[in-house]
Amino acid sequence: MTSTLTVIALINRLRVSDKTVYGDAVYREKTSENHTFNIKQFINARHEYNEEFFEGDLVLLGGKFTLETEKLMVRIC
Protein backbone atom coordinates (compact mmCIF):
# COMPACT_ATOMS: atom_id res chain seq x y z
CA MET A 1 0.00 0.00 0.00
CA THR A 2 1.37 3.41 -0.99
CA SER A 3 1.32 6.19 1.55
CA THR A 4 2.16 9.85 1.13
CA LEU A 5 3.53 12.51 3.44
CA THR A 6 3.77 16.29 3.26
CA VAL A 7 5.98 18.03 5.82
CA ILE A 8 7.97 21.25 6.27
CA ALA A 9 11.54 20.18 7.04
CA LEU A 10 15.06 21.52 7.48
CA ILE A 11 17.60 19.90 5.13
CA ASN A 12 20.56 18.76 7.27
CA ARG A 13 22.70 16.79 4.82
CA LEU A 14 22.45 16.57 1.06
CA ARG A 15 24.44 14.54 -1.47
CA VAL A 16 24.11 14.61 -5.24
CA SER A 17 24.86 11.68 -7.54
CA ASP A 18 24.26 11.30 -11.26
CA LYS A 19 20.78 9.75 -10.72
CA THR A 20 19.57 10.99 -7.31
CA VAL A 21 19.72 13.70 -4.68
CA TYR A 22 19.61 12.18 -1.22
CA GLY A 23 20.28 13.04 2.39
CA ASP A 24 18.73 13.76 5.78
CA ALA A 25 16.11 16.23 6.93
CA VAL A 26 14.46 17.01 10.25
CA TYR A 27 10.99 18.18 11.24
CA ARG A 28 9.50 19.18 14.58
CA GLU A 29 6.18 17.93 15.92
CA LYS A 30 3.78 20.11 17.89
CA THR A 31 5.19 18.43 20.99
CA SER A 32 8.58 20.04 20.14
CA GLU A 33 10.06 16.60 19.43
CA ASN A 34 12.46 16.50 16.46
CA HIS A 35 12.39 13.65 13.94
CA THR A 36 15.14 12.96 11.42
CA PHE A 37 14.32 11.16 8.18
CA ASN A 38 15.97 10.32 4.87
CA ILE A 39 15.03 12.00 1.63
CA LYS A 40 15.61 10.85 -1.93
CA GLN A 41 14.78 12.68 -5.15
CA PHE A 42 15.31 10.98 -8.47
CA ILE A 43 16.65 13.08 -11.32
CA ASN A 44 13.54 12.43 -13.43
CA ALA A 45 11.48 14.17 -10.69
CA ARG A 46 13.29 17.46 -11.30
CA HIS A 47 10.95 19.78 -13.17
CA GLU A 48 11.00 23.50 -13.82
CA TYR A 49 8.43 24.06 -11.05
CA ASN A 50 10.61 22.23 -8.47
CA GLU A 51 13.36 24.51 -7.21
CA GLU A 52 16.71 22.99 -6.29
CA PHE A 53 17.29 22.94 -2.54
CA PHE A 54 20.47 22.95 -0.49
CA GLU A 55 21.66 22.09 3.03
CA GLY A 56 20.19 24.52 5.55
CA ASP A 57 17.04 25.21 3.51
CA LEU A 58 13.58 24.99 5.05
CA VAL A 59 11.44 23.25 2.43
CA LEU A 60 7.99 21.78 1.93
CA LEU A 61 8.50 18.12 1.04
CA GLY A 62 5.78 15.90 -0.31
CA GLY A 63 5.95 12.42 -1.68
CA LYS A 64 5.73 8.71 -1.08
CA PHE A 65 7.22 7.36 2.08
CA THR A 66 8.51 4.03 3.30
CA LEU A 67 9.88 2.74 6.57
CA GLU A 68 13.35 1.26 6.24
CA THR A 69 14.69 -0.41 9.39
CA GLU A 70 12.14 1.63 11.37
CA LYS A 71 13.41 4.91 9.91
CA LEU A 72 11.26 7.08 7.67
CA MET A 73 12.39 7.75 4.10
CA VAL A 74 10.53 10.20 1.82
CA ARG A 75 10.88 9.88 -1.95
CA ILE A 76 10.09 13.27 -3.45
CA CYS A 77 7.85 13.06 -6.50
PDB file of N, CA and C in Angstrom:
ATOM      1  N   MET A   1       0.832  -1.175   0.000  1.00  0.00           N
ATOM      2  CA  MET A   1       0.000   0.000   0.000  1.00  0.00           C
ATOM      3  C   MET A   1       0.881   1.245   0.000  1.00  0.00           C
ATOM      4  N   THR A   2       0.603   2.174  -0.895  1.00  0.00           N
ATOM      5  CA  THR A   2       1.372   3.406  -0.992  1.00  0.00           C
ATOM      6  C   THR A   2       0.819   4.438  -0.030  1.00  0.00           C
ATOM      7  N   SER A   3       1.708   5.115   0.659  1.00  0.00           N
ATOM      8  CA  SER A   3       1.323   6.191   1.554  1.00  0.00           C
ATOM      9  C   SER A   3       2.077   7.446   1.161  1.00  0.00           C
ATOM     10  N   THR A   4       1.495   8.596   1.459  1.00  0.00           N
ATOM     11  CA  THR A   4       2.163   9.854   1.134  1.00  0.00           C
ATOM     12  C   THR A   4       2.323  10.687   2.391  1.00  0.00           C
ATOM     13  N   LEU A   5       3.229  11.646   2.314  1.00  0.00           N
ATOM     14  CA  LEU A   5       3.526  12.511   3.440  1.00  0.00           C
ATOM     15  C   LEU A   5       3.872  13.887   2.901  1.00  0.00           C
ATOM     16  N   THR A   6       3.377  14.918   3.555  1.00  0.00           N
ATOM     17  CA  THR A   6       3.774  16.287   3.258  1.00  0.00           C
ATOM     18  C   THR A   6       4.225  16.911   4.566  1.00  0.00           C
ATOM     19  N   VAL A   7       5.419  17.504   4.578  1.00  0.00           N
ATOM     20  CA  VAL A   7       5.982  18.028   5.816  1.00  0.00           C
ATOM     21  C   VAL A   7       6.914  19.196   5.478  1.00  0.00           C
ATOM     22  N   ILE A   8       6.982  20.176   6.373  1.00  0.00           N
ATOM     23  CA  ILE A   8       7.974  21.250   6.267  1.00  0.00           C
ATOM     24  C   ILE A   8       9.188  20.785   7.052  1.00  0.00           C
ATOM     25  N   ALA A   9      10.350  20.757   6.402  1.00  0.00           N
ATOM     26  CA  ALA A   9      11.539  20.178   7.038  1.00  0.00           C
ATOM     27  C   ALA A   9      12.776  21.021   6.762  1.00  0.00           C
ATOM     28  N   LEU A  10      13.761  20.882   7.629  1.00  0.00           N
ATOM     29  CA  LEU A  10      15.065  21.515   7.477  1.00  0.00           C
ATOM     30  C   LEU A  10      16.010  20.487   6.889  1.00  0.00           C
ATOM     31  N   ILE A  11      16.663  20.821   5.777  1.00  0.00           N
ATOM     32  CA  ILE A  11      17.604  19.901   5.133  1.00  0.00           C
ATOM     33  C   ILE A  11      18.927  19.954   5.898  1.00  0.00           C
ATOM     34  N   ASN A  12      19.323  18.839   6.493  1.00  0.00           N
ATOM     35  CA  ASN A  12      20.564  18.759   7.272  1.00  0.00           C
ATOM     36  C   ASN A  12      21.760  18.366   6.427  1.00  0.00           C
ATOM     37  N   ARG A  13      21.596  17.349   5.615  1.00  0.00           N
ATOM     38  CA  ARG A  13      22.696  16.791   4.821  1.00  0.00           C
ATOM     39  C   ARG A  13      22.144  16.479   3.449  1.00  0.00           C
ATOM     40  N   LEU A  14      22.914  16.804   2.422  1.00  0.00           N
ATOM     41  CA  LEU A  14      22.450  16.572   1.063  1.00  0.00           C
ATOM     42  C   LEU A  14      23.627  16.131   0.202  1.00  0.00           C
ATOM     43  N   ARG A  15      23.431  15.063  -0.554  1.00  0.00           N
ATOM     44  CA  ARG A  15      24.442  14.542  -1.469  1.00  0.00           C
ATOM     45  C   ARG A  15      23.818  14.399  -2.844  1.00  0.00           C
ATOM     46  N   VAL A  16      24.596  14.673  -3.865  1.00  0.00           N
ATOM     47  CA  VAL A  16      24.109  14.606  -5.240  1.00  0.00           C
ATOM     48  C   VAL A  16      24.910  13.561  -5.995  1.00  0.00           C
ATOM     49  N   SER A  17      24.205  12.639  -6.653  1.00  0.00           N
ATOM     50  CA  SER A  17      24.857  11.679  -7.541  1.00  0.00           C
ATOM     51  C   SER A  17      24.310  11.919  -8.936  1.00  0.00           C
ATOM     52  N   ASP A  18      24.722  11.095  -9.883  1.00  0.00           N
ATOM     53  CA  ASP A  18      24.260  11.303 -11.257  1.00  0.00           C
ATOM     54  C   ASP A  18      22.789  10.954 -11.451  1.00  0.00           C
ATOM     55  N   LYS A  19      22.185  10.155 -10.579  1.00  0.00           N
ATOM     56  CA  LYS A  19      20.780   9.748 -10.720  1.00  0.00           C
ATOM     57  C   LYS A  19      19.856  10.254  -9.621  1.00  0.00           C
ATOM     58  N   THR A  20      20.412  10.607  -8.444  1.00  0.00           N
ATOM     59  CA  THR A  20      19.570  10.995  -7.311  1.00  0.00           C
ATOM     60  C   THR A  20      20.188  12.134  -6.513  1.00  0.00           C
ATOM     61  N   VAL A  21      19.322  12.787  -5.748  1.00  0.00           N
ATOM     62  CA  VAL A  21      19.723  13.701  -4.683  1.00  0.00           C
ATOM     63  C   VAL A  21      19.197  13.056  -3.412  1.00  0.00           C
ATOM     64  N   TYR A  22      20.040  12.876  -2.417  1.00  0.00           N
ATOM     65  CA  TYR A  22      19.608  12.176  -1.217  1.00  0.00           C
ATOM     66  C   TYR A  22      20.280  12.772   0.011  1.00  0.00           C
ATOM     67  N   GLY A  23      19.699  12.529   1.159  1.00  0.00           N
ATOM     68  CA  GLY A  23      20.282  13.040   2.390  1.00  0.00           C
ATOM     69  C   GLY A  23      19.341  12.901   3.566  1.00  0.00           C
ATOM     70  N   ASP A  24      19.519  13.795   4.557  1.00  0.00           N
ATOM     71  CA  ASP A  24      18.735  13.764   5.780  1.00  0.00           C
ATOM     72  C   ASP A  24      18.040  15.100   5.983  1.00  0.00           C
ATOM     73  N   ALA A  25      16.860  15.040   6.571  1.00  0.00           N
ATOM     74  CA  ALA A  25      16.106  16.232   6.928  1.00  0.00           C
ATOM     75  C   ALA A  25      15.497  16.022   8.305  1.00  0.00           C
ATOM     76  N   VAL A  26      15.050  17.100   8.921  1.00  0.00           N
ATOM     77  CA  VAL A  26      14.460  17.014  10.254  1.00  0.00           C
ATOM     78  C   VAL A  26      13.192  17.865  10.292  1.00  0.00           C
ATOM     79  N   TYR A  27      12.181  17.378  11.002  1.00  0.00           N
ATOM     80  CA  TYR A  27      10.989  18.178  11.241  1.00  0.00           C
ATOM     81  C   TYR A  27      10.630  18.107  12.713  1.00  0.00           C
ATOM     82  N   ARG A  28       9.878  19.099  13.177  1.00  0.00           N
ATOM     83  CA  ARG A  28       9.495  19.177  14.582  1.00  0.00           C
ATOM     84  C   ARG A  28       7.992  19.010  14.717  1.00  0.00           C
ATOM     85  N   GLU A  29       7.597  18.125  15.622  1.00  0.00           N
ATOM     86  CA  GLU A  29       6.180  17.925  15.920  1.00  0.00           C
ATOM     87  C   GLU A  29       5.681  19.053  16.823  1.00  0.00           C
ATOM     88  N   LYS A  30       4.374  19.118  16.998  1.00  0.00           N
ATOM     89  CA  LYS A  30       3.778  20.111  17.887  1.00  0.00           C
ATOM     90  C   LYS A  30       4.260  19.927  19.319  1.00  0.00           C
ATOM     91  N   THR A  31       4.691  18.718  19.641  1.00  0.00           N
ATOM     92  CA  THR A  31       5.188  18.433  20.990  1.00  0.00           C
ATOM     93  C   THR A  31       6.642  18.868  21.159  1.00  0.00           C
ATOM     94  N   SER A  32       7.188  19.573  20.156  1.00  0.00           N
ATOM     95  CA  SER A  32       8.581  20.043  20.137  1.00  0.00           C
ATOM     96  C   SER A  32       9.589  18.902  20.057  1.00  0.00           C
ATOM     97  N   GLU A  33       9.149  17.732  19.626  1.00  0.00           N
ATOM     98  CA  GLU A  33      10.056  16.600  19.434  1.00  0.00           C
ATOM     99  C   GLU A  33      10.547  16.618  17.990  1.00  0.00           C
ATOM    100  N   ASN A  34      11.864  16.501  17.799  1.00  0.00           N
ATOM    101  CA  ASN A  34      12.457  16.499  16.456  1.00  0.00           C
ATOM    102  C   ASN A  34      12.547  15.084  15.913  1.00  0.00           C
ATOM    103  N   HIS A  35      12.285  14.941  14.611  1.00  0.00           N
ATOM    104  CA  HIS A  35      12.390  13.650  13.938  1.00  0.00           C
ATOM    105  C   HIS A  35      13.256  13.809  12.700  1.00  0.00           C
ATOM    106  N   THR A  36      14.269  12.964  12.589  1.00  0.00           N
ATOM    107  CA  THR A  36      15.139  12.960  11.416  1.00  0.00           C
ATOM    108  C   THR A  36      14.679  11.866  10.474  1.00  0.00           C
ATOM    109  N   PHE A  37      14.706  12.160   9.169  1.00  0.00           N
ATOM    110  CA  PHE A  37      14.319  11.165   8.177  1.00  0.00           C
ATOM    111  C   PHE A  37      15.176  11.341   6.933  1.00  0.00           C
ATOM    112  N   ASN A  38      15.213  10.295   6.117  1.00  0.00           N
ATOM    113  CA  ASN A  38      15.971  10.317   4.866  1.00  0.00           C
ATOM    114  C   ASN A  38      15.100  10.857   3.750  1.00  0.00           C
ATOM    115  N   ILE A  39      15.732  11.550   2.817  1.00  0.00           N
ATOM    116  CA  ILE A  39      15.027  12.003   1.626  1.00  0.00           C
ATOM    117  C   ILE A  39      15.758  11.500   0.394  1.00  0.00           C
ATOM    118  N   LYS A  40      15.013  11.285  -0.662  1.00  0.00           N
ATOM    119  CA  LYS A  40      15.612  10.853  -1.927  1.00  0.00           C
ATOM    120  C   LYS A  40      14.777  11.446  -3.057  1.00  0.00           C
ATOM    121  N   GLN A  41      15.448  12.136  -3.980  1.00  0.00           N
ATOM    122  CA  GLN A  41      14.775  12.680  -5.149  1.00  0.00           C
ATOM    123  C   GLN A  41      15.488  12.151  -6.387  1.00  0.00           C
ATOM    124  N   PHE A  42      14.735  11.491  -7.237  1.00  0.00           N
ATOM    125  CA  PHE A  42      15.313  10.976  -8.470  1.00  0.00           C
ATOM    126  C   PHE A  42      15.409  12.099  -9.495  1.00  0.00           C
ATOM    127  N   ILE A  43      16.402  12.031 -10.345  1.00  0.00           N
ATOM    128  CA  ILE A  43      16.651  13.085 -11.320  1.00  0.00           C
ATOM    129  C   ILE A  43      15.433  13.307 -12.219  1.00  0.00           C
ATOM    130  N   ASN A  44      14.702  12.257 -12.567  1.00  0.00           N
ATOM    131  CA  ASN A  44      13.538  12.426 -13.435  1.00  0.00           C
ATOM    132  C   ASN A  44      12.388  13.146 -12.737  1.00  0.00           C
ATOM    133  N   ALA A  45      12.493  13.409 -11.414  1.00  0.00           N
ATOM    134  CA  ALA A  45      11.479  14.171 -10.687  1.00  0.00           C
ATOM    135  C   ALA A  45      11.808  15.660 -10.657  1.00  0.00           C
ATOM    136  N   ARG A  46      12.913  16.043 -11.262  1.00  0.00           N
ATOM    137  CA  ARG A  46      13.287  17.457 -11.303  1.00  0.00           C
ATOM    138  C   ARG A  46      12.583  18.123 -12.482  1.00  0.00           C
ATOM    139  N   HIS A  47      11.701  19.040 -12.162  1.00  0.00           N
ATOM    140  CA  HIS A  47      10.952  19.777 -13.166  1.00  0.00           C
ATOM    141  C   HIS A  47      11.200  21.262 -12.964  1.00  0.00           C
ATOM    142  N   GLU A  48      10.809  22.060 -13.922  1.00  0.00           N
ATOM    143  CA  GLU A  48      11.003  23.502 -13.822  1.00  0.00           C
ATOM    144  C   GLU A  48      10.309  24.081 -12.599  1.00  0.00           C
ATOM    145  N   TYR A  49       9.176  23.516 -12.188  1.00  0.00           N
ATOM    146  CA  TYR A  49       8.435  24.061 -11.050  1.00  0.00           C
ATOM    147  C   TYR A  49       8.990  23.592  -9.710  1.00  0.00           C
ATOM    148  N   ASN A  50       9.947  22.664  -9.695  1.00  0.00           N
ATOM    149  CA  ASN A  50      10.615  22.234  -8.468  1.00  0.00           C
ATOM    150  C   ASN A  50      11.955  22.947  -8.373  1.00  0.00           C
ATOM    151  N   GLU A  51      12.097  23.825  -7.386  1.00  0.00           N
ATOM    152  CA  GLU A  51      13.364  24.514  -7.206  1.00  0.00           C
ATOM    153  C   GLU A  51      14.380  23.590  -6.553  1.00  0.00           C
ATOM    154  N   GLU A  52      15.636  23.759  -6.910  1.00  0.00           N
ATOM    155  CA  GLU A  52      16.710  22.992  -6.292  1.00  0.00           C
ATOM    156  C   GLU A  52      16.878  23.467  -4.855  1.00  0.00           C
ATOM    157  N   PHE A  53      17.084  22.545  -3.926  1.00  0.00           N
ATOM    158  CA  PHE A  53      17.287  22.936  -2.540  1.00  0.00           C
ATOM    159  C   PHE A  53      18.664  22.503  -2.079  1.00  0.00           C
ATOM    160  N   PHE A  54      19.114  23.135  -0.995  1.00  0.00           N
ATOM    161  CA  PHE A  54      20.472  22.945  -0.489  1.00  0.00           C
ATOM    162  C   PHE A  54      20.431  22.692   1.019  1.00  0.00           C
ATOM    163  N   GLU A  55      21.561  22.285   1.583  1.00  0.00           N
ATOM    164  CA  GLU A  55      21.663  22.094   3.027  1.00  0.00           C
ATOM    165  C   GLU A  55      21.346  23.405   3.724  1.00  0.00           C
ATOM    166  N   GLY A  56      20.566  23.329   4.797  1.00  0.00           N
ATOM    167  CA  GLY A  56      20.190  24.517   5.552  1.00  0.00           C
ATOM    168  C   GLY A  56      18.886  25.151   5.102  1.00  0.00           C
ATOM    169  N   ASP A  57      18.309  24.679   4.001  1.00  0.00           N
ATOM    170  CA  ASP A  57      17.041  25.213   3.510  1.00  0.00           C
ATOM    171  C   ASP A  57      15.867  24.620   4.284  1.00  0.00           C
ATOM    172  N   LEU A  58      14.842  25.435   4.484  1.00  0.00           N
ATOM    173  CA  LEU A  58      13.585  24.990   5.050  1.00  0.00           C
ATOM    174  C   LEU A  58      12.631  24.795   3.879  1.00  0.00           C
ATOM    175  N   VAL A  59      12.204  23.559   3.640  1.00  0.00           N
ATOM    176  CA  VAL A  59      11.443  23.246   2.431  1.00  0.00           C
ATOM    177  C   VAL A  59      10.171  22.464   2.759  1.00  0.00           C
ATOM    178  N   LEU A  60       9.209  22.575   1.856  1.00  0.00           N
ATOM    179  CA  LEU A  60       7.992  21.777   1.925  1.00  0.00           C
ATOM    180  C   LEU A  60       8.230  20.533   1.081  1.00  0.00           C
ATOM    181  N   LEU A  61       8.261  19.376   1.725  1.00  0.00           N
ATOM    182  CA  LEU A  61       8.499  18.121   1.037  1.00  0.00           C
ATOM    183  C   LEU A  61       7.206  17.329   0.976  1.00  0.00           C
ATOM    184  N   GLY A  62       6.940  16.755  -0.161  1.00  0.00           N
ATOM    185  CA  GLY A  62       5.779  15.900  -0.305  1.00  0.00           C
ATOM    186  C   GLY A  62       6.126  14.738  -1.206  1.00  0.00           C
ATOM    187  N   GLY A  63       5.673  13.572  -0.845  1.00  0.00           N
ATOM    188  CA  GLY A  63       5.948  12.418  -1.680  1.00  0.00           C
ATOM    189  C   GLY A  63       5.569  11.121  -1.004  1.00  0.00           C
ATOM    190  N   LYS A  64       5.983  10.035  -1.622  1.00  0.00           N
ATOM    191  CA  LYS A  64       5.730   8.711  -1.080  1.00  0.00           C
ATOM    192  C   LYS A  64       6.719   8.453   0.044  1.00  0.00           C
ATOM    193  N   PHE A  65       6.281   7.690   1.027  1.00  0.00           N
ATOM    194  CA  PHE A  65       7.224   7.364   2.084  1.00  0.00           C
ATOM    195  C   PHE A  65       7.227   5.874   2.374  1.00  0.00           C
ATOM    196  N   THR A  66       8.355   5.422   2.869  1.00  0.00           N
ATOM    197  CA  THR A  66       8.511   4.033   3.295  1.00  0.00           C
ATOM    198  C   THR A  66       9.249   4.024   4.628  1.00  0.00           C
ATOM    199  N   LEU A  67       9.122   2.934   5.348  1.00  0.00           N
ATOM    200  CA  LEU A  67       9.884   2.745   6.572  1.00  0.00           C
ATOM    201  C   LEU A  67      10.973   1.724   6.283  1.00  0.00           C
ATOM    202  N   GLU A  68      12.203   2.152   6.448  1.00  0.00           N
ATOM    203  CA  GLU A  68      13.346   1.261   6.244  1.00  0.00           C
ATOM    204  C   GLU A  68      14.047   1.106   7.578  1.00  0.00           C
ATOM    205  N   THR A  69      14.100  -0.107   8.078  1.00  0.00           N
ATOM    206  CA  THR A  69      14.690  -0.408   9.389  1.00  0.00           C
ATOM    207  C   THR A  69      14.173   0.579  10.433  1.00  0.00           C
ATOM    208  N   GLU A  70      12.851   0.772  10.432  1.00  0.00           N
ATOM    209  CA  GLU A  70      12.145   1.634  11.370  1.00  0.00           C
ATOM    210  C   GLU A  70      12.576   3.092  11.287  1.00  0.00           C
ATOM    211  N   LYS A  71      13.083   3.513  10.116  1.00  0.00           N
ATOM    212  CA  LYS A  71      13.415   4.914   9.907  1.00  0.00           C
ATOM    213  C   LYS A  71      12.668   5.379   8.670  1.00  0.00           C
ATOM    214  N   LEU A  72      12.070   6.545   8.740  1.00  0.00           N
ATOM    215  CA  LEU A  72      11.258   7.079   7.671  1.00  0.00           C
ATOM    216  C   LEU A  72      12.124   7.563   6.515  1.00  0.00           C
ATOM    217  N   MET A  73      11.732   7.232   5.288  1.00  0.00           N
ATOM    218  CA  MET A  73      12.390   7.754   4.101  1.00  0.00           C
ATOM    219  C   MET A  73      11.322   8.320   3.190  1.00  0.00           C
ATOM    220  N   VAL A  74      11.486   9.576   2.740  1.00  0.00           N
ATOM    221  CA  VAL A  74      10.534  10.200   1.822  1.00  0.00           C
ATOM    222  C   VAL A  74      11.163  10.282   0.453  1.00  0.00           C
ATOM    223  N   ARG A  75      10.462   9.760  -0.549  1.00  0.00           N
ATOM    224  CA  ARG A  75      10.875   9.884  -1.947  1.00  0.00           C
ATOM    225  C   ARG A  75      10.084  11.026  -2.548  1.00  0.00           C
ATOM    226  N   ILE A  76      10.755  12.063  -2.963  1.00  0.00           N
ATOM    227  CA  ILE A  76      10.094  13.272  -3.454  1.00  0.00           C
ATOM    228  C   ILE A  76       9.679  13.076  -4.891  1.00  0.00           C
ATOM    229  N   CYS A  77       8.394  13.254  -5.160  1.00  0.00           N
ATOM    230  CA  CYS A  77       7.849  13.060  -6.501  1.00  0.00           C
ATOM    231  C   CYS A  77       7.721  14.375  -7.232  1.00  0.00           C
TER     232      CYS A  77
END
